[in-house]
């Protein structure tokens, strides 16, 4: 499910971009928050050079390296927030740092605009607190710098049809991202997810009877979601709980945000490795359920439907087969927006039941577990 948004957060040095990024990292751990210089440093390390040496390079070489760094952001699913620099002061004028690749990469650009006196004061406070050393720039130069960047970004965004949103209050950045980035992304993700899940249901073989069985805390006593994040120093608490608390019910948006949290764990390889280690750490099927499934007759098809960790559940059901026929057990699971083509939410069981009923009109359907509270007729 290729649903992603890459948001460039710009503003002159001292406007508070890093402060905003740190706040977003804490309040929205499901978003990937990156300082652009972090990615630039990785590319420079691969080039076996340093940031100081980079600053001495020609404008053409700088642009080449910046473009290479910008392209790396396209690999991340979900929402990525990147703090970037559009330009730098140089000899009483300004050197552009915004590249063609930036315009092609970012789906949205936010410009954090503060008055020159506020920026001047914040730069002084940074120097006094030793958080970072900033060179002296007059208020008049700061004002000219801000005007230059706004004009530059306005031109580039119009030319490349990238939404440019100017924000004067740092506290509103999260709300703007939710309203103008997340919500449209959720609509796209839900449509894509439902279409893909519908196709997966169509691929289920015909049967006289279908058993729709929940995974976490039904077939197993374990909840694989909290277990995946348990013990990670990055999270001081179960990061799933605050996401569910944002909404009155278990809506698709909650599950989509959780899928971004999984995708933000690390690379796909790191996520899979963590999942497999979690699966081997003591997650087991109830023996009664295992015995029951293995004794089912050929005309009964068990379908395990879970919003838990798909990789863990794939391993759990590998040893299962239906009765003497030896048919594999059907698993419908999706929880990672970068790896899985659909996301299983609270309404998925209803969609499965309704689709199976349309495809196989004479079948009987039985549901086990506590998911799918939205009523459906079997």
Protein backbone atom coordinates (compact mmCIF):
# COMPACT_ATOMS: atom_id res chain seq x y z
CA UNK A 1 0.00 0.00 0.00
CA UNK A 2 2.02 2.91 -1.31
CA UNK A 3 0.63 5.74 0.85
CA UNK A 4 3.19 8.32 1.82
CA UNK A 5 3.62 12.05 2.34
CA UNK A 6 6.95 13.83 2.62
CA UNK A 7 6.68 17.22 4.30
CA UNK A 8 9.50 19.74 4.08
CA UNK A 9 9.62 22.05 7.11
CA UNK A 10 11.46 25.25 6.23
CA UNK A 11 12.28 28.57 7.88
CA UNK A 12 15.41 30.63 8.45
CA UNK A 13 17.85 29.47 11.12
CA UNK A 14 16.50 30.39 14.53
CA UNK A 15 12.83 30.29 13.59
CA UNK A 16 12.26 27.19 15.75
CA UNK A 17 12.20 24.32 13.26
CA UNK A 18 14.22 21.92 15.42
CA UNK A 19 12.04 22.73 18.44
CA UNK A 20 8.93 21.90 16.41
CA UNK A 21 10.51 18.67 15.15
CA UNK A 22 11.36 17.55 18.70
CA UNK A 23 7.78 18.25 19.82
CA UNK A 24 6.38 16.24 16.90
CA UNK A 25 8.69 13.31 17.68
CA UNK A 26 7.20 13.18 21.16
CA UNK A 27 3.53 13.70 20.31
CA UNK A 28 3.48 11.76 17.03
CA UNK A 29 5.94 8.85 17.22
CA UNK A 30 4.21 7.31 14.20
CA UNK A 31 5.61 10.12 12.01
CA UNK A 32 9.21 9.89 10.87
CA UNK A 33 10.88 13.18 11.90
CA UNK A 34 14.31 13.90 10.40
CA UNK A 35 16.77 16.77 10.27
CA UNK A 36 17.75 17.11 6.62
CA UNK A 37 21.39 17.39 7.65
CA UNK A 38 21.17 13.85 9.08
CA UNK A 39 20.50 12.40 5.66
CA UNK A 40 23.05 14.73 4.08
CA UNK A 41 25.67 13.49 6.56
CA UNK A 42 24.91 9.87 5.63
CA UNK A 43 25.43 10.63 1.95
CA UNK A 44 28.65 12.52 2.73
CA UNK A 45 29.93 9.57 4.76
CA UNK A 46 29.29 7.31 1.76
CA UNK A 47 31.19 9.83 -0.37
CA UNK A 48 33.99 9.67 2.23
CA UNK A 49 33.88 13.39 2.85
CA UNK A 50 32.78 15.71 5.66
CA UNK A 51 30.30 18.52 6.10
CA UNK A 52 33.15 21.06 6.32
CA UNK A 53 34.59 19.80 3.03
CA UNK A 54 31.10 19.85 1.50
CA UNK A 55 30.75 23.56 2.29
CA UNK A 56 33.86 24.23 0.18
CA UNK A 57 32.54 22.37 -2.87
CA UNK A 58 31.25 24.07 -6.02
CA UNK A 59 27.56 24.93 -6.32
CA UNK A 60 27.12 22.13 -8.87
CA UNK A 61 28.69 19.49 -6.62
CA UNK A 62 26.66 20.67 -3.63
CA UNK A 63 23.45 20.37 -5.62
CA UNK A 64 24.41 16.86 -6.77
CA UNK A 65 24.92 15.67 -3.19
CA UNK A 66 21.80 17.46 -1.90
CA UNK A 67 19.72 15.80 -4.63
CA UNK A 68 21.09 12.40 -3.69
CA UNK A 69 20.10 13.01 -0.06
CA UNK A 70 16.61 14.25 -0.99
CA UNK A 71 15.87 11.15 -3.05
CA UNK A 72 16.46 8.98 0.04
CA UNK A 73 13.30 10.33 1.69
CA UNK A 74 11.15 8.63 -0.95
CA UNK A 75 11.93 5.23 0.60
CA UNK A 76 9.91 5.97 3.75
CA UNK A 77 6.20 5.02 3.92
CA UNK A 78 3.63 6.99 5.91
CA UNK A 79 4.37 10.58 6.92
CA UNK A 80 7.92 11.92 6.95
CA UNK A 81 8.73 15.40 8.29
CA UNK A 82 12.06 16.80 7.09
CA UNK A 83 13.62 19.99 8.47
CA UNK A 84 15.38 21.63 5.56
CA UNK A 85 17.28 24.77 4.59
CA UNK A 86 16.12 26.65 1.51
CA UNK A 87 19.10 29.02 1.51
CA UNK A 88 22.04 30.36 3.50
CA UNK A 89 23.42 33.91 3.93
CA UNK A 90 26.59 34.46 1.91
CA UNK A 91 28.46 37.75 1.52
CA UNK A 92 25.41 39.89 2.26
CA UNK A 93 23.39 37.88 -0.25
CA UNK A 94 21.97 34.33 -0.20
CA UNK A 95 23.01 30.94 -1.56
CA UNK A 96 20.19 28.64 -2.67
CA UNK A 97 20.04 25.19 -1.07
CA UNK A 98 16.61 24.20 -2.41
CA UNK A 99 17.03 21.82 -5.35
CA UNK A 100 14.89 20.51 -8.18
CA UNK A 101 14.88 17.13 -6.44
CA UNK A 102 13.49 18.74 -3.27
CA UNK A 103 10.56 20.06 -5.30
CA UNK A 104 10.04 16.61 -6.84
CA UNK A 105 10.34 14.82 -3.49
CA UNK A 106 8.26 16.86 -1.07
CA UNK A 107 4.49 16.46 -1.28
CA UNK A 108 3.96 19.50 0.98
CA UNK A 109 6.14 22.35 2.18
CA UNK A 110 5.53 24.21 5.43
CA UNK A 111 7.26 27.52 6.03
CA UNK A 112 7.68 28.55 9.65
CA UNK A 113 7.65 32.33 9.59
CA UNK A 114 8.62 34.42 12.59
CA UNK A 115 9.28 38.15 12.77
CA UNK A 116 12.93 39.18 12.59
CA UNK A 117 12.98 40.42 16.19
CA UNK A 118 11.68 37.05 17.47
CA UNK A 119 14.24 35.13 15.40
CA UNK A 120 17.02 37.47 16.56
CA UNK A 121 16.02 36.87 20.20
CA UNK A 122 15.80 33.09 19.76
CA UNK A 123 19.25 32.99 18.14
CA UNK A 124 20.68 34.91 21.09
CA UNK A 125 19.01 32.52 23.55
CA UNK A 126 20.53 29.55 21.72
CA UNK A 127 24.00 31.08 22.04
CA UNK A 128 23.52 31.92 25.71
CA UNK A 129 22.25 28.43 26.55
CA UNK A 130 25.10 26.82 24.58
CA UNK A 131 22.57 24.72 22.67
CA UNK A 132 24.31 25.75 19.47
CA UNK A 133 26.59 28.54 18.29
CA UNK A 134 24.97 30.86 15.77
CA UNK A 135 26.86 33.63 13.96
CA UNK A 136 25.64 37.17 14.52
CA UNK A 137 23.08 38.31 11.95
CA UNK A 138 21.32 41.65 12.22
CA UNK A 139 17.54 41.92 12.35
CA UNK A 140 17.50 43.64 8.97
CA UNK A 141 19.47 40.76 7.40
CA UNK A 142 17.18 38.21 9.04
CA UNK A 143 14.16 40.00 7.62
CA UNK A 144 15.69 40.09 4.12
CA UNK A 145 16.59 36.41 4.45
CA UNK A 146 13.04 35.45 5.35
CA UNK A 147 11.60 37.48 2.46
CA UNK A 148 14.10 35.90 0.07
CA UNK A 149 13.17 32.36 1.17
CA UNK A 150 9.44 32.97 0.95
CA UNK A 151 9.83 34.32 -2.57
CA UNK A 152 12.09 31.41 -3.54
CA UNK A 153 9.76 28.71 -2.15
CA UNK A 154 6.65 30.39 -3.53
CA UNK A 155 8.19 30.36 -7.02
CA UNK A 156 9.43 26.75 -6.80
CA UNK A 157 6.21 25.42 -5.27
CA UNK A 158 4.03 27.05 -7.92
CA UNK A 159 6.29 25.77 -10.68
CA UNK A 160 6.20 22.22 -9.33
CA UNK A 161 2.60 22.27 -8.03
CA UNK A 162 3.61 21.59 -4.43
CA UNK A 163 1.34 23.03 -1.71
CA UNK A 164 3.13 25.76 0.26
CA UNK A 165 1.69 26.50 3.71
CA UNK A 166 3.00 29.41 5.78
CA UNK A 167 2.68 29.02 9.57
CA UNK A 168 3.38 31.81 12.04
CA UNK A 169 2.54 29.90 15.24
CA UNK A 170 4.75 26.88 16.01
CA UNK A 171 1.97 25.32 18.07
CA UNK A 172 -0.20 24.99 14.95
CA UNK A 173 2.26 22.89 12.93
CA UNK A 174 0.88 19.55 14.16
CA UNK A 175 -2.73 20.59 13.48
CA UNK A 176 -1.86 21.77 9.97
CA UNK A 177 -0.13 18.47 9.20
CA UNK A 178 -3.10 16.51 10.52
CA UNK A 179 -5.67 18.55 8.57
CA UNK A 180 -3.84 19.03 5.29
CA UNK A 181 -1.56 16.00 5.10
CA UNK A 182 -2.79 13.15 7.30
CA UNK A 183 -6.54 13.25 6.63
CA UNK A 184 -6.22 13.21 2.80
CA UNK A 185 -3.65 10.43 3.15
CA UNK A 186 -6.05 8.40 5.30
CA UNK A 187 -8.73 8.63 2.58
CA UNK A 188 -6.31 7.31 -0.04
CA UNK A 189 -5.05 4.58 2.28
CA UNK A 190 -8.54 3.41 3.18
CA UNK A 191 -9.64 3.13 -0.44
CA UNK A 192 -6.45 1.28 -1.37
CA UNK A 193 -6.67 -0.99 1.67
CA UNK A 194 -10.32 -1.96 1.10
CA UNK A 195 -9.67 -2.74 -2.59
CA UNK A 196 -6.69 -4.94 -1.72
CA UNK A 197 -8.49 -6.72 1.12
CA UNK A 198 -11.47 -7.34 -1.17
CA UNK A 199 -9.15 -9.04 -3.65
CA UNK A 200 -7.65 -11.17 -0.88
CA UNK A 201 -11.16 -12.28 0.11
CA UNK A 202 -11.97 -13.22 -3.48
CA UNK A 203 -8.91 -15.49 -3.44
CA UNK A 204 -10.28 -17.50 -0.49
CA UNK A 205 -11.35 -20.94 -1.79
CA UNK A 206 -15.07 -21.85 -1.78
CA UNK A 207 -16.44 -23.71 1.26
CA UNK A 208 -19.76 -24.61 2.85
CA UNK A 209 -18.80 -23.07 6.18
CA UNK A 210 -16.40 -20.23 7.04
CA UNK A 211 -15.03 -19.59 10.52
CA UNK A 212 -13.84 -15.99 10.99
CA UNK A 213 -11.46 -16.15 13.93
CA UNK A 214 -9.65 -13.27 15.63
CA UNK A 215 -5.94 -13.65 16.29
CA UNK A 216 -4.60 -11.69 19.26
CA UNK A 217 -6.25 -12.63 22.57
CA UNK A 218 -8.53 -15.16 20.86
CA UNK A 219 -6.32 -17.82 19.29
CA UNK A 220 -3.53 -16.73 21.60
CA UNK A 221 -3.47 -14.97 24.95
CA UNK A 222 -0.85 -12.56 23.60
CA UNK A 223 -1.42 -9.11 22.11
CA UNK A 224 1.36 -8.96 19.53
CA UNK A 225 1.14 -5.15 19.14
CA UNK A 226 2.28 -4.04 22.62
CA UNK A 227 4.67 -7.03 22.70
CA UNK A 228 6.45 -5.74 19.59
CA UNK A 229 7.19 -2.35 21.21
CA UNK A 230 7.78 -3.63 24.75
CA UNK A 231 11.28 -2.98 26.06
CA UNK A 232 12.34 -0.58 23.31
CA UNK A 233 14.15 2.42 24.78
CA UNK A 234 12.64 4.64 22.06
CA UNK A 235 9.24 4.32 23.72
CA UNK A 236 8.67 5.08 27.42
CA UNK A 237 5.18 3.57 27.26
CA UNK A 238 2.95 1.45 25.05
CA UNK A 239 2.77 3.76 21.97
CA UNK A 240 -0.44 2.14 20.72
CA UNK A 241 -2.62 3.41 23.57
CA UNK A 242 -2.42 7.17 22.86
CA UNK A 243 -3.27 6.54 19.20
CA UNK A 244 -6.46 4.67 20.09
CA UNK A 245 -7.34 7.31 22.71
CA UNK A 246 -7.50 10.01 20.01
CA UNK A 247 -10.65 8.45 18.59
CA UNK A 248 -14.01 7.46 19.98
CA UNK A 249 -14.00 4.08 18.25
CA UNK A 250 -11.60 1.73 16.55
CA UNK A 251 -11.75 3.54 13.22
CA UNK A 252 -9.57 2.93 10.17
CA UNK A 253 -7.55 6.09 10.87
CA UNK A 254 -6.36 4.69 14.21
CA UNK A 255 -5.18 1.46 12.60
CA UNK A 256 -3.54 3.40 9.75
CA UNK A 257 -1.61 5.53 12.23
CA UNK A 258 -0.50 2.37 14.02
CA UNK A 259 0.64 0.97 10.67
CA UNK A 260 2.82 4.09 10.31
CA UNK A 261 4.21 3.45 13.79
CA UNK A 262 5.36 -0.01 12.69
CA UNK A 263 6.79 1.47 9.48
CA UNK A 264 8.69 4.07 11.52
CA UNK A 265 10.40 1.38 13.60
CA UNK A 266 13.33 1.13 11.19
CA UNK A 267 14.08 -0.49 7.86
CA UNK A 268 11.88 -3.27 6.54
CA UNK A 269 14.60 -5.75 7.44
CA UNK A 270 14.80 -4.45 11.02
CA UNK A 271 11.03 -4.63 11.39
CA UNK A 272 10.87 -8.23 10.11
CA UNK A 273 13.78 -9.29 12.29
CA UNK A 274 12.13 -7.76 15.37
CA UNK A 275 8.82 -9.45 14.47
CA UNK A 276 10.41 -12.87 14.13
CA UNK A 277 12.21 -12.48 17.45
CA UNK A 278 8.93 -11.46 19.10
CA UNK A 279 7.24 -14.48 17.54
CA UNK A 280 9.86 -16.78 19.01
CA UNK A 281 9.69 -15.18 22.46
CA UNK A 282 6.71 -17.18 23.69
CA UNK A 283 3.72 -16.35 21.47
CA UNK A 284 1.77 -19.61 21.16
CA UNK A 285 -1.64 -20.73 19.99
CA UNK A 286 -4.04 -22.13 22.56
CA UNK A 287 -3.73 -25.92 22.19
CA UNK A 288 -7.53 -26.28 22.19
CA UNK A 289 -7.84 -23.99 19.17
CA UNK A 290 -4.98 -25.70 17.40
CA UNK A 291 -6.55 -29.13 17.90
CA UNK A 292 -9.98 -27.84 16.84
CA UNK A 293 -8.70 -26.33 13.57
CA UNK A 294 -6.68 -29.42 12.70
CA UNK A 295 -9.77 -31.62 13.07
CA UNK A 296 -12.10 -29.55 10.89
CA UNK A 297 -13.69 -31.31 7.91
CA UNK A 298 -12.73 -30.33 4.36
CA UNK A 299 -15.90 -28.29 3.75
CA UNK A 300 -15.08 -25.91 6.65
CA UNK A 301 -12.61 -23.09 5.96
CA UNK A 302 -11.04 -21.27 8.94
CA UNK A 303 -10.01 -17.67 8.24
CA UNK A 304 -7.79 -16.03 10.81
CA UNK A 305 -8.38 -12.29 10.70
CA UNK A 306 -6.10 -10.09 12.79
CA UNK A 307 -4.83 -6.53 13.09
CA UNK A 308 -1.90 -7.93 15.06
CA UNK A 309 1.60 -8.35 13.71
CA UNK A 310 1.32 -10.12 10.34
CA UNK A 311 4.84 -11.57 10.39
CA UNK A 312 4.29 -13.08 13.84
CA UNK A 313 0.95 -14.58 12.80
CA UNK A 314 2.37 -15.93 9.56
CA UNK A 315 4.82 -17.98 11.61
CA UNK A 316 2.09 -19.09 14.03
CA UNK A 317 -0.18 -20.49 11.32
CA UNK A 318 2.57 -22.15 9.27
CA UNK A 319 2.20 -25.33 11.29
CA UNK A 320 -1.59 -25.34 10.99
CA UNK A 321 -3.56 -27.24 8.36
CA UNK A 322 -7.21 -28.18 8.10
CA UNK A 323 -8.07 -31.78 9.00
CA UNK A 324 -7.14 -34.67 6.75
CA UNK A 325 -7.19 -32.48 3.64
CA UNK A 326 -4.08 -30.68 4.83
CA UNK A 327 -5.28 -27.41 3.32
CA UNK A 328 -3.43 -24.35 4.66
CA UNK A 329 -5.27 -22.02 7.04
CA UNK A 330 -6.23 -18.66 5.51
CA UNK A 331 -4.60 -15.66 7.19
CA UNK A 332 -5.81 -12.11 6.58
CA UNK A 333 -3.49 -9.71 8.36
CA UNK A 334 -1.99 -6.30 7.68
CA UNK A 335 -0.42 -3.80 10.06
CA UNK A 336 2.52 -2.15 8.20
CA UNK A 337 1.76 0.51 5.57
CA UNK A 338 5.08 -0.02 3.82
CA UNK A 339 5.01 -3.82 3.56
CA UNK A 340 1.36 -4.85 3.47
CA UNK A 341 -1.17 -4.10 0.76
CA UNK A 342 -4.05 -3.71 3.23
CA UNK A 343 -4.68 -2.91 6.88
CA UNK A 344 -7.00 -4.94 9.04
CA UNK A 345 -9.20 -2.65 11.14
CA UNK A 346 -12.29 -3.16 13.30
CA UNK A 347 -14.60 -3.20 10.27
CA UNK A 348 -12.62 -5.81 8.33
CA UNK A 349 -14.57 -8.78 9.67
CA UNK A 350 -17.82 -7.28 8.40
CA UNK A 351 -16.30 -6.75 4.96
CA UNK A 352 -15.03 -10.34 4.88
CA UNK A 353 -18.40 -11.77 5.91
CA UNK A 354 -20.39 -9.67 3.45
CA UNK A 355 -18.05 -10.45 0.56
CA UNK A 356 -18.01 -14.19 1.25
CA UNK A 357 -21.81 -14.16 1.42
CA UNK A 358 -22.00 -12.48 -2.00
CA UNK A 359 -19.46 -14.86 -3.52
CA UNK A 360 -20.84 -18.05 -1.98
CA UNK A 361 -24.53 -17.43 -1.34
CA UNK A 362 -25.28 -20.73 0.38
CA UNK A 363 -22.37 -20.66 2.81
CA UNK A 364 -22.64 -20.35 6.58
CA UNK A 365 -20.40 -17.96 8.48
CA UNK A 366 -19.46 -18.09 12.15
CA UNK A 367 -17.47 -15.41 13.94
CA UNK A 368 -15.16 -15.90 16.93
CA UNK A 369 -13.57 -13.09 18.94
CA UNK A 370 -14.29 -9.50 19.92
CA UNK A 371 -13.33 -7.55 16.78
CA UNK A 372 -15.70 -6.19 14.17
CA UNK A 373 -18.12 -4.53 16.59
CA UNK A 374 -19.75 -2.83 13.62
CA UNK A 375 -22.77 -5.11 13.03
CA UNK A 376 -22.92 -7.30 9.97
CA UNK A 377 -25.40 -9.92 8.82
CA UNK A 378 -24.19 -13.42 8.05
